[in-house]
């Protein structure tokens, strides 16, 4: 872990801004796209870059914005990785988001998010909060292999239950689906049934498959050699060096996904889900125009 002073903390414009407090991750997920060389890491991925001035930058940015909007975090680096337990930078940023009347859409695999449920609940009462949880495999033993350093699927489902009890809307990322590993009818159906039971608002799926780029591919294949002997060779025969690796079962799995979402009124396309994540309630955006 090392510390830096960032020049800015928000990206995007208009009605939605993204924020990454950390760079890198310690969850150890074998498929993580953020390891890809295109993101130009100059340090080990596990050597977390801490933007120590993130709260100060966020406060300066938000107090100058008249139009309230949603602030998203967690798309590149999990805001609740291990160092957050002590540093509490994510919590500080949530306090600032609450202070200035903005909304938040926060994505994680970690149950550490429950530490901040007081702030998330208050943000949701005042404006809007959406919690996004990634679920890839219903099998906790398999989860321990592909996502080794973070809480298991059972615990993440408990997080969804608790958010539902608090009235905080949730979205599930059902991605990636790893060909020949977790791309089974039983796995997808079990996860979707839990999404229905816990009242999630929408589920994000990008076609029941995996993407691999330079840097990410090498790390993933090394993990396949360790945990799934012979699987790397199967991938190479099936996909070569392709970026998109759809499951051979993608059509069947997509059918199951679409049917369950339709039957239960869940948002089921990326556009629908991202629209919900990025949309600030009208009464807040309209009121803020006169907040001069």
C-alpha atoms as a PDB file:
ATOM      1  CA  UNK A   1       0.000   0.000   0.000  1.00  0.00           C
ATOM      2  CA  UNK A   2       1.253   3.463  -0.857  1.00  0.00           C
ATOM      3  CA  UNK A   3      -0.200   6.966  -0.662  1.00  0.00           C
ATOM      4  CA  UNK A   4      -0.661   9.600  -3.330  1.00  0.00           C
ATOM      5  CA  UNK A   5      -2.246  13.028  -3.600  1.00  0.00           C
ATOM      6  CA  UNK A   6      -4.623  12.949  -6.548  1.00  0.00           C
ATOM      7  CA  UNK A   7      -5.328  16.013  -8.699  1.00  0.00           C
ATOM      8  CA  UNK A   8      -9.031  15.210  -9.020  1.00  0.00           C
ATOM      9  CA  UNK A   9     -11.450  12.573  -7.766  1.00  0.00           C
ATOM     10  CA  UNK A  10     -14.555  12.776  -9.996  1.00  0.00           C
ATOM     11  CA  UNK A  11     -14.827  11.739 -13.634  1.00  0.00           C
ATOM     12  CA  UNK A  12     -17.710  12.233 -16.032  1.00  0.00           C
ATOM     13  CA  UNK A  13     -20.043  15.160 -16.469  1.00  0.00           C
ATOM     14  CA  UNK A  14     -23.675  16.145 -16.399  1.00  0.00           C
ATOM     15  CA  UNK A  15     -25.987  13.927 -14.396  1.00  0.00           C
ATOM     16  CA  UNK A  16     -23.539  11.303 -13.130  1.00  0.00           C
ATOM     17  CA  UNK A  17     -19.973  11.211 -11.796  1.00  0.00           C
ATOM     18  CA  UNK A  18     -17.651   8.293 -11.084  1.00  0.00           C
ATOM     19  CA  UNK A  19     -15.134   8.132  -8.263  1.00  0.00           C
ATOM     20  CA  UNK A  20     -12.300   5.728  -7.402  1.00  0.00           C
ATOM     21  CA  UNK A  21     -10.655   6.260  -4.021  1.00  0.00           C
ATOM     22  CA  UNK A  22      -8.191   3.407  -4.486  1.00  0.00           C
ATOM     23  CA  UNK A  23      -6.292   1.861  -7.414  1.00  0.00           C
ATOM     24  CA  UNK A  24      -5.593  -1.859  -7.351  1.00  0.00           C
ATOM     25  CA  UNK A  25      -7.299  -4.493  -5.233  1.00  0.00           C
ATOM     26  CA  UNK A  26      -6.553  -7.213  -2.678  1.00  0.00           C
ATOM     27  CA  UNK A  27      -9.625  -9.400  -3.252  1.00  0.00           C
ATOM     28  CA  UNK A  28      -7.626 -11.629  -5.608  1.00  0.00           C
ATOM     29  CA  UNK A  29     -10.421 -12.457  -8.088  1.00  0.00           C
ATOM     30  CA  UNK A  30      -8.804 -14.572 -10.781  1.00  0.00           C
ATOM     31  CA  UNK A  31     -10.684 -12.894 -13.653  1.00  0.00           C
ATOM     32  CA  UNK A  32     -10.306  -9.210 -12.742  1.00  0.00           C
ATOM     33  CA  UNK A  33     -10.295  -6.979 -15.845  1.00  0.00           C
ATOM     34  CA  UNK A  34      -8.746  -4.128 -13.874  1.00  0.00           C
ATOM     35  CA  UNK A  35      -5.415  -5.988 -14.037  1.00  0.00           C
ATOM     36  CA  UNK A  36      -5.298  -5.387 -17.796  1.00  0.00           C
ATOM     37  CA  UNK A  37      -2.270  -3.511 -19.119  1.00  0.00           C
ATOM     38  CA  UNK A  38      -4.483  -0.906 -20.776  1.00  0.00           C
ATOM     39  CA  UNK A  39      -5.040   0.660 -17.333  1.00  0.00           C
ATOM     40  CA  UNK A  40      -1.312   1.408 -17.128  1.00  0.00           C
ATOM     41  CA  UNK A  41      -0.523   0.373 -13.592  1.00  0.00           C
ATOM     42  CA  UNK A  42       3.012   1.360 -12.660  1.00  0.00           C
ATOM     43  CA  UNK A  43       2.958  -0.733  -9.472  1.00  0.00           C
ATOM     44  CA  UNK A  44       1.845  -4.196  -8.429  1.00  0.00           C
ATOM     45  CA  UNK A  45      -1.936  -4.575  -8.568  1.00  0.00           C
ATOM     46  CA  UNK A  46      -1.944  -5.671  -4.916  1.00  0.00           C
ATOM     47  CA  UNK A  47       0.147  -2.639  -3.880  1.00  0.00           C
ATOM     48  CA  UNK A  48      -2.880  -0.429  -3.347  1.00  0.00           C
ATOM     49  CA  UNK A  49      -2.599   3.192  -4.387  1.00  0.00           C
ATOM     50  CA  UNK A  50      -4.464   5.207  -1.765  1.00  0.00           C
ATOM     51  CA  UNK A  51      -5.718   8.611  -2.846  1.00  0.00           C
ATOM     52  CA  UNK A  52      -5.294  10.028   0.615  1.00  0.00           C
ATOM     53  CA  UNK A  53      -6.749  13.434  -0.283  1.00  0.00           C
ATOM     54  CA  UNK A  54      -9.914  11.946  -1.807  1.00  0.00           C
ATOM     55  CA  UNK A  55     -12.285  13.379   0.846  1.00  0.00           C
ATOM     56  CA  UNK A  56     -10.874  16.892   0.486  1.00  0.00           C
ATOM     57  CA  UNK A  57     -11.098  16.722  -3.312  1.00  0.00           C
ATOM     58  CA  UNK A  58     -14.657  15.388  -3.156  1.00  0.00           C
ATOM     59  CA  UNK A  59     -15.781  18.128  -0.786  1.00  0.00           C
ATOM     60  CA  UNK A  60     -14.307  20.835  -3.003  1.00  0.00           C
ATOM     61  CA  UNK A  61     -16.025  19.338  -6.044  1.00  0.00           C
ATOM     62  CA  UNK A  62     -19.464  18.799  -4.523  1.00  0.00           C
ATOM     63  CA  UNK A  63     -19.808  22.121  -2.728  1.00  0.00           C
ATOM     64  CA  UNK A  64     -19.314  23.903  -6.056  1.00  0.00           C
ATOM     65  CA  UNK A  65     -21.998  21.917  -7.905  1.00  0.00           C
ATOM     66  CA  UNK A  66     -25.508  23.328  -7.867  1.00  0.00           C
ATOM     67  CA  UNK A  67     -27.177  20.447  -9.657  1.00  0.00           C
ATOM     68  CA  UNK A  68     -27.399  17.348  -7.487  1.00  0.00           C
ATOM     69  CA  UNK A  69     -26.670  13.978  -9.106  1.00  0.00           C
ATOM     70  CA  UNK A  70     -25.583  10.416  -8.407  1.00  0.00           C
ATOM     71  CA  UNK A  71     -21.971   9.629  -7.479  1.00  0.00           C
ATOM     72  CA  UNK A  72     -20.835   6.145  -8.469  1.00  0.00           C
ATOM     73  CA  UNK A  73     -17.910   4.236  -7.001  1.00  0.00           C
ATOM     74  CA  UNK A  74     -16.502   0.717  -7.231  1.00  0.00           C
ATOM     75  CA  UNK A  75     -16.301   0.176 -10.980  1.00  0.00           C
ATOM     76  CA  UNK A  76     -12.495  -0.141 -11.086  1.00  0.00           C
ATOM     77  CA  UNK A  77     -11.408  -0.801  -7.499  1.00  0.00           C
ATOM     78  CA  UNK A  78     -13.600  -2.098  -4.700  1.00  0.00           C
ATOM     79  CA  UNK A  79     -14.222   0.712  -2.167  1.00  0.00           C
ATOM     80  CA  UNK A  80     -14.381  -1.877   0.621  1.00  0.00           C
ATOM     81  CA  UNK A  81     -11.146  -3.794   0.135  1.00  0.00           C
ATOM     82  CA  UNK A  82      -9.119  -4.681   3.215  1.00  0.00           C
ATOM     83  CA  UNK A  83      -7.316  -1.365   3.756  1.00  0.00           C
ATOM     84  CA  UNK A  84     -10.634   0.507   3.973  1.00  0.00           C
ATOM     85  CA  UNK A  85     -11.304  -1.107   7.355  1.00  0.00           C
ATOM     86  CA  UNK A  86      -8.601   1.059   8.903  1.00  0.00           C
ATOM     87  CA  UNK A  87      -8.376   4.022   6.510  1.00  0.00           C
ATOM     88  CA  UNK A  88     -12.147   4.703   6.293  1.00  0.00           C
ATOM     89  CA  UNK A  89     -11.774   6.904   3.223  1.00  0.00           C
ATOM     90  CA  UNK A  90     -14.928   5.455   1.662  1.00  0.00           C
ATOM     91  CA  UNK A  91     -16.844   6.266   4.826  1.00  0.00           C
ATOM     92  CA  UNK A  92     -15.484   9.824   4.821  1.00  0.00           C
ATOM     93  CA  UNK A  93     -16.601  10.262   1.217  1.00  0.00           C
ATOM     94  CA  UNK A  94     -20.082   8.944   2.033  1.00  0.00           C
ATOM     95  CA  UNK A  95     -20.330  11.515   4.818  1.00  0.00           C
ATOM     96  CA  UNK A  96     -19.505  14.252   2.307  1.00  0.00           C
ATOM     97  CA  UNK A  97     -22.025  12.931  -0.225  1.00  0.00           C
ATOM     98  CA  UNK A  98     -24.664  13.018   2.517  1.00  0.00           C
ATOM     99  CA  UNK A  99     -23.622  16.491   3.664  1.00  0.00           C
ATOM    100  CA  UNK A 100     -24.086  18.036   0.227  1.00  0.00           C
ATOM    101  CA  UNK A 101     -27.261  16.196  -0.705  1.00  0.00           C
ATOM    102  CA  UNK A 102     -25.999  13.960  -3.514  1.00  0.00           C
ATOM    103  CA  UNK A 103     -26.937  10.348  -4.200  1.00  0.00           C
ATOM    104  CA  UNK A 104     -24.621   7.347  -4.361  1.00  0.00           C
ATOM    105  CA  UNK A 105     -24.390   4.105  -6.351  1.00  0.00           C
ATOM    106  CA  UNK A 106     -21.768   1.915  -4.707  1.00  0.00           C
ATOM    107  CA  UNK A 107     -20.444  -1.432  -5.960  1.00  0.00           C
ATOM    108  CA  UNK A 108     -18.649  -4.063  -3.878  1.00  0.00           C
ATOM    109  CA  UNK A 109     -18.115  -7.745  -3.153  1.00  0.00           C
ATOM    110  CA  UNK A 110     -17.400  -7.123   0.529  1.00  0.00           C
ATOM    111  CA  UNK A 111     -19.616  -7.286   3.601  1.00  0.00           C
ATOM    112  CA  UNK A 112     -17.563  -4.426   5.051  1.00  0.00           C
ATOM    113  CA  UNK A 113     -20.201  -2.237   3.426  1.00  0.00           C
ATOM    114  CA  UNK A 114     -22.465  -3.106   6.374  1.00  0.00           C
ATOM    115  CA  UNK A 115     -20.229  -0.960   8.593  1.00  0.00           C
ATOM    116  CA  UNK A 116     -21.595   2.074   6.750  1.00  0.00           C
ATOM    117  CA  UNK A 117     -25.236   1.089   6.616  1.00  0.00           C
ATOM    118  CA  UNK A 118     -26.105   4.049   8.832  1.00  0.00           C
ATOM    119  CA  UNK A 119     -24.802   6.478   6.201  1.00  0.00           C
ATOM    120  CA  UNK A 120     -26.222   4.515   3.282  1.00  0.00           C
ATOM    121  CA  UNK A 121     -29.652   4.479   4.912  1.00  0.00           C
ATOM    122  CA  UNK A 122     -29.559   8.209   5.582  1.00  0.00           C
ATOM    123  CA  UNK A 123     -28.443   9.011   2.035  1.00  0.00           C
ATOM    124  CA  UNK A 124     -31.290   6.843   0.742  1.00  0.00           C
ATOM    125  CA  UNK A 125     -33.811   8.633   2.952  1.00  0.00           C
ATOM    126  CA  UNK A 126     -32.577  12.052   1.848  1.00  0.00           C
ATOM    127  CA  UNK A 127     -31.878  11.424  -1.839  1.00  0.00           C
ATOM    128  CA  UNK A 128     -31.017   7.986  -3.265  1.00  0.00           C
ATOM    129  CA  UNK A 129     -28.608   5.151  -2.551  1.00  0.00           C
ATOM    130  CA  UNK A 130     -28.169   1.996  -4.631  1.00  0.00           C
ATOM    131  CA  UNK A 131     -25.943  -0.862  -3.459  1.00  0.00           C
ATOM    132  CA  UNK A 132     -24.510  -3.134  -6.156  1.00  0.00           C
ATOM    133  CA  UNK A 133     -23.254  -6.621  -5.287  1.00  0.00           C
ATOM    134  CA  UNK A 134     -21.396  -9.003  -7.605  1.00  0.00           C
ATOM    135  CA  UNK A 135     -22.547 -12.646  -7.580  1.00  0.00           C
ATOM    136  CA  UNK A 136     -20.818 -15.102  -9.898  1.00  0.00           C
ATOM    137  CA  UNK A 137     -21.202 -18.537  -8.333  1.00  0.00           C
ATOM    138  CA  UNK A 138     -23.685 -20.035  -5.898  1.00  0.00           C
ATOM    139  CA  UNK A 139     -21.095 -22.628  -4.820  1.00  0.00           C
ATOM    140  CA  UNK A 140     -19.119 -21.175  -1.919  1.00  0.00           C
ATOM    141  CA  UNK A 141     -16.255 -23.629  -2.431  1.00  0.00           C
ATOM    142  CA  UNK A 142     -15.881 -22.432  -6.016  1.00  0.00           C
ATOM    143  CA  UNK A 143     -16.264 -18.842  -4.831  1.00  0.00           C
ATOM    144  CA  UNK A 144     -13.264 -19.394  -2.549  1.00  0.00           C
ATOM    145  CA  UNK A 145     -11.178 -20.321  -5.593  1.00  0.00           C
ATOM    146  CA  UNK A 146     -12.203 -17.635  -8.067  1.00  0.00           C
ATOM    147  CA  UNK A 147     -12.730 -14.825  -5.514  1.00  0.00           C
ATOM    148  CA  UNK A 148     -10.426 -15.946  -2.697  1.00  0.00           C
ATOM    149  CA  UNK A 149      -9.881 -12.929  -0.451  1.00  0.00           C
ATOM    150  CA  UNK A 150     -13.398 -11.594   0.058  1.00  0.00           C
ATOM    151  CA  UNK A 151     -16.607 -12.823   1.685  1.00  0.00           C
ATOM    152  CA  UNK A 152     -18.399 -15.721   0.020  1.00  0.00           C
ATOM    153  CA  UNK A 153     -21.638 -15.727  -1.942  1.00  0.00           C
ATOM    154  CA  UNK A 154     -23.783 -16.743   1.047  1.00  0.00           C
ATOM    155  CA  UNK A 155     -22.580 -13.689   2.962  1.00  0.00           C
ATOM    156  CA  UNK A 156     -23.136 -11.377  -0.011  1.00  0.00           C
ATOM    157  CA  UNK A 157     -26.711 -12.638  -0.239  1.00  0.00           C
ATOM    158  CA  UNK A 158     -27.082 -11.777   3.455  1.00  0.00           C
ATOM    159  CA  UNK A 159     -25.911  -8.249   2.575  1.00  0.00           C
ATOM    160  CA  UNK A 160     -28.677  -8.065  -0.040  1.00  0.00           C
ATOM    161  CA  UNK A 161     -31.204  -9.198   2.581  1.00  0.00           C
ATOM    162  CA  UNK A 162     -30.078  -6.543   5.038  1.00  0.00           C
ATOM    163  CA  UNK A 163     -30.249  -3.825   2.378  1.00  0.00           C
ATOM    164  CA  UNK A 164     -33.781  -4.943   1.527  1.00  0.00           C
ATOM    165  CA  UNK A 165     -34.763  -4.713   5.216  1.00  0.00           C
ATOM    166  CA  UNK A 166     -33.410  -1.158   5.307  1.00  0.00           C
ATOM    167  CA  UNK A 167     -35.274  -0.173   2.141  1.00  0.00           C
ATOM    168  CA  UNK A 168     -32.059   0.398   0.171  1.00  0.00           C
ATOM    169  CA  UNK A 169     -32.432  -0.682  -3.478  1.00  0.00           C
ATOM    170  CA  UNK A 170     -29.938  -3.182  -4.841  1.00  0.00           C
ATOM    171  CA  UNK A 171     -28.575  -4.263  -8.207  1.00  0.00           C
ATOM    172  CA  UNK A 172     -26.652  -7.497  -8.804  1.00  0.00           C
ATOM    173  CA  UNK A 173     -23.783  -7.896 -11.275  1.00  0.00           C
ATOM    174  CA  UNK A 174     -24.096 -11.438 -12.671  1.00  0.00           C
ATOM    175  CA  UNK A 175     -20.723 -11.284 -14.319  1.00  0.00           C
ATOM    176  CA  UNK A 176     -18.367 -12.707 -15.332  1.00  0.00           C
ATOM    177  CA  UNK A 177     -19.626 -16.167 -16.178  1.00  0.00           C
ATOM    178  CA  UNK A 178     -16.541 -18.316 -16.731  1.00  0.00           C
ATOM    179  CA  UNK A 179     -16.826 -20.855 -19.576  1.00  0.00           C
ATOM    180  CA  UNK A 180     -16.682 -24.480 -18.380  1.00  0.00           C
ATOM    181  CA  UNK A 181     -16.485 -23.345 -14.732  1.00  0.00           C
ATOM    182  CA  UNK A 182     -19.606 -21.561 -13.460  1.00  0.00           C
ATOM    183  CA  UNK A 183     -21.670 -21.496 -16.666  1.00  0.00           C
ATOM    184  CA  UNK A 184     -24.262 -24.054 -15.583  1.00  0.00           C
ATOM    185  CA  UNK A 185     -28.038 -23.911 -15.511  1.00  0.00           C
ATOM    186  CA  UNK A 186     -28.033 -24.814 -11.823  1.00  0.00           C
ATOM    187  CA  UNK A 187     -25.644 -22.016 -10.906  1.00  0.00           C
ATOM    188  CA  UNK A 188     -27.445 -19.290 -12.843  1.00  0.00           C
ATOM    189  CA  UNK A 189     -30.903 -20.403 -11.670  1.00  0.00           C
ATOM    190  CA  UNK A 190     -29.816 -20.511  -8.020  1.00  0.00           C
ATOM    191  CA  UNK A 191     -28.339 -17.006  -8.142  1.00  0.00           C
ATOM    192  CA  UNK A 192     -31.371 -15.596  -9.950  1.00  0.00           C
ATOM    193  CA  UNK A 193     -33.761 -17.159  -7.443  1.00  0.00           C
ATOM    194  CA  UNK A 194     -31.860 -15.493  -4.607  1.00  0.00           C
ATOM    195  CA  UNK A 195     -32.033 -12.169  -6.464  1.00  0.00           C
ATOM    196  CA  UNK A 196     -35.797 -12.527  -6.659  1.00  0.00           C
ATOM    197  CA  UNK A 197     -36.083 -13.553  -3.008  1.00  0.00           C
ATOM    198  CA  UNK A 198     -34.011 -10.634  -1.763  1.00  0.00           C
ATOM    199  CA  UNK A 199     -35.903  -8.106  -3.870  1.00  0.00           C
ATOM    200  CA  UNK A 200     -33.129  -6.776  -6.081  1.00  0.00           C
ATOM    201  CA  UNK A 201     -34.193  -4.033  -8.497  1.00  0.00           C
ATOM    202  CA  UNK A 202     -32.152  -5.232 -11.466  1.00  0.00           C
ATOM    203  CA  UNK A 203     -29.460  -7.645 -12.658  1.00  0.00           C
ATOM    204  CA  UNK A 204     -26.581  -6.730 -14.956  1.00  0.00           C
ATOM    205  CA  UNK A 205     -25.429  -9.387 -17.430  1.00  0.00           C
ATOM    206  CA  UNK A 206     -23.147  -8.891 -20.423  1.00  0.00           C
ATOM    207  CA  UNK A 207     -24.007 -12.035 -22.358  1.00  0.00           C
ATOM    208  CA  UNK A 208     -22.978 -14.905 -20.072  1.00  0.00           C
ATOM    209  CA  UNK A 209     -19.264 -14.929 -20.673  1.00  0.00           C
ATOM    210  CA  UNK A 210     -15.870 -13.487 -19.858  1.00  0.00           C
ATOM    211  CA  UNK A 211     -13.561 -10.886 -21.364  1.00  0.00           C
ATOM    212  CA  UNK A 212      -9.771 -11.200 -21.351  1.00  0.00           C
ATOM    213  CA  UNK A 213      -7.151  -8.611 -22.244  1.00  0.00           C
ATOM    214  CA  UNK A 214      -3.378  -8.502 -22.044  1.00  0.00           C
ATOM    215  CA  UNK A 215      -2.337  -8.654 -18.416  1.00  0.00           C
ATOM    216  CA  UNK A 216      -5.678 -10.007 -17.267  1.00  0.00           C
ATOM    217  CA  UNK A 217      -5.399 -13.051 -19.583  1.00  0.00           C
ATOM    218  CA  UNK A 218      -2.002 -14.112 -18.256  1.00  0.00           C
ATOM    219  CA  UNK A 219      -3.131 -13.863 -14.631  1.00  0.00           C
ATOM    220  CA  UNK A 220      -6.326 -15.804 -15.349  1.00  0.00           C
ATOM    221  CA  UNK A 221      -4.548 -18.561 -17.240  1.00  0.00           C
ATOM    222  CA  UNK A 222      -2.013 -18.963 -14.432  1.00  0.00           C
ATOM    223  CA  UNK A 223      -4.944 -19.433 -12.034  1.00  0.00           C
ATOM    224  CA  UNK A 224      -6.499 -22.012 -14.353  1.00  0.00           C
ATOM    225  CA  UNK A 225      -3.243 -23.961 -14.305  1.00  0.00           C
ATOM    226  CA  UNK A 226      -3.253 -23.930 -10.486  1.00  0.00           C
ATOM    227  CA  UNK A 227      -6.869 -24.786  -9.852  1.00  0.00           C
ATOM    228  CA  UNK A 228      -8.289 -26.327 -13.039  1.00  0.00           C
ATOM    229  CA  UNK A 229      -5.547 -28.420 -14.705  1.00  0.00           C
ATOM    230  CA  UNK A 230      -6.010 -28.680 -18.464  1.00  0.00           C
ATOM    231  CA  UNK A 231      -8.571 -25.865 -18.583  1.00  0.00           C
ATOM    232  CA  UNK A 232      -6.178 -23.300 -20.059  1.00  0.00           C
ATOM    233  CA  UNK A 233      -5.554 -25.509 -23.064  1.00  0.00           C
ATOM    234  CA  UNK A 234      -9.304 -25.937 -23.498  1.00  0.00           C
ATOM    235  CA  UNK A 235      -9.726 -22.152 -23.511  1.00  0.00           C
ATOM    236  CA  UNK A 236      -6.953 -21.686 -26.071  1.00  0.00           C
ATOM    237  CA  UNK A 237      -8.494 -24.289 -28.383  1.00  0.00           C
ATOM    238  CA  UNK A 238     -11.952 -22.745 -28.019  1.00  0.00           C
ATOM    239  CA  UNK A 239     -11.153 -19.030 -28.052  1.00  0.00           C
ATOM    240  CA  UNK A 240      -7.556 -18.395 -29.093  1.00  0.00           C
ATOM    241  CA  UNK A 241      -6.663 -14.842 -28.017  1.00  0.00           C
ATOM    242  CA  UNK A 242     -10.218 -13.474 -28.355  1.00  0.00           C
ATOM    243  CA  UNK A 243     -11.314 -10.581 -26.164  1.00  0.00           C
ATOM    244  CA  UNK A 244     -14.860 -11.885 -25.747  1.00  0.00           C
ATOM    245  CA  UNK A 245     -15.262 -15.458 -24.486  1.00  0.00           C
ATOM    246  CA  UNK A 246     -18.966 -16.345 -24.474  1.00  0.00           C
ATOM    247  CA  UNK A 247     -20.011 -19.510 -22.686  1.00  0.00           C
ATOM    248  CA  UNK A 248     -20.974 -22.373 -25.013  1.00  0.00           C
ATOM    249  CA  UNK A 249     -24.167 -22.414 -22.929  1.00  0.00           C
ATOM    250  CA  UNK A 250     -24.797 -18.676 -23.343  1.00  0.00           C
ATOM    251  CA  UNK A 251     -28.031 -19.012 -25.343  1.00  0.00           C
ATOM    252  CA  UNK A 252     -29.659 -21.338 -22.821  1.00  0.00           C
ATOM    253  CA  UNK A 253     -28.431 -19.303 -19.840  1.00  0.00           C
ATOM    254  CA  UNK A 254     -29.618 -16.032 -21.387  1.00  0.00           C
ATOM    255  CA  UNK A 255     -33.034 -17.585 -21.903  1.00  0.00           C
ATOM    256  CA  UNK A 256     -33.236 -18.563 -18.235  1.00  0.00           C
ATOM    257  CA  UNK A 257     -32.051 -15.096 -17.215  1.00  0.00           C
ATOM    258  CA  UNK A 258     -34.560 -13.255 -19.379  1.00  0.00           C
ATOM    259  CA  UNK A 259     -37.494 -15.445 -18.338  1.00  0.00           C
ATOM    260  CA  UNK A 260     -36.878 -15.084 -14.598  1.00  0.00           C
ATOM    261  CA  UNK A 261     -36.315 -11.330 -14.869  1.00  0.00           C
ATOM    262  CA  UNK A 262     -39.469 -10.852 -16.948  1.00  0.00           C
ATOM    263  CA  UNK A 263     -41.614 -13.001 -14.658  1.00  0.00           C
ATOM    264  CA  UNK A 264     -40.496 -10.988 -11.627  1.00  0.00           C
ATOM    265  CA  UNK A 265     -40.357  -7.482 -13.097  1.00  0.00           C
ATOM    266  CA  UNK A 266     -36.589  -7.048 -12.739  1.00  0.00           C
ATOM    267  CA  UNK A 267     -34.532  -4.630 -14.793  1.00  0.00           C
ATOM    268  CA  UNK A 268     -32.552  -6.932 -17.055  1.00  0.00           C
ATOM    269  CA  UNK A 269     -30.564  -4.973 -19.644  1.00  0.00           C
ATOM    270  CA  UNK A 270     -27.416  -2.988 -18.931  1.00  0.00           C
ATOM    271  CA  UNK A 271     -29.106   0.175 -20.251  1.00  0.00           C
ATOM    272  CA  UNK A 272     -32.062  -0.259 -17.888  1.00  0.00           C
ATOM    273  CA  UNK A 273     -29.830  -0.964 -14.901  1.00  0.00           C
ATOM    274  CA  UNK A 274     -27.380   1.856 -15.622  1.00  0.00           C
ATOM    275  CA  UNK A 275     -30.299   4.211 -16.168  1.00  0.00           C
ATOM    276  CA  UNK A 276     -31.598   3.341 -12.703  1.00  0.00           C
ATOM    277  CA  UNK A 277     -28.147   3.678 -11.123  1.00  0.00           C
ATOM    278  CA  UNK A 278     -27.501   7.081 -12.679  1.00  0.00           C
ATOM    279  CA  UNK A 279     -30.930   8.660 -12.343  1.00  0.00           C
ATOM    280  CA  UNK A 280     -31.360  11.146  -9.507  1.00  0.00           C
ATOM    281  CA  UNK A 281     -34.962  11.605  -8.334  1.00  0.00           C
ATOM    282  CA  UNK A 282     -36.508  14.579 -10.148  1.00  0.00           C
ATOM    283  CA  UNK A 283     -37.490  16.443  -6.983  1.00  0.00           C
ATOM    284  CA  UNK A 284     -33.828  16.778  -5.997  1.00  0.00           C
ATOM    285  CA  UNK A 285     -32.438  17.802  -9.369  1.00  0.00           C
ATOM    286  CA  UNK A 286     -35.241  20.315  -9.855  1.00  0.00           C
ATOM    287  CA  UNK A 287     -34.947  21.800  -6.375  1.00  0.00           C
ATOM    288  CA  UNK A 288     -31.197  22.162  -6.702  1.00  0.00           C
ATOM    289  CA  UNK A 289     -31.518  24.423  -9.725  1.00  0.00           C
ATOM    290  CA  UNK A 290     -32.793  27.106  -7.352  1.00  0.00           C
ATOM    291  CA  UNK A 291     -30.244  26.386  -4.654  1.00  0.00           C
ATOM    292  CA  UNK A 292     -28.293  29.559  -5.336  1.00  0.00           C
END
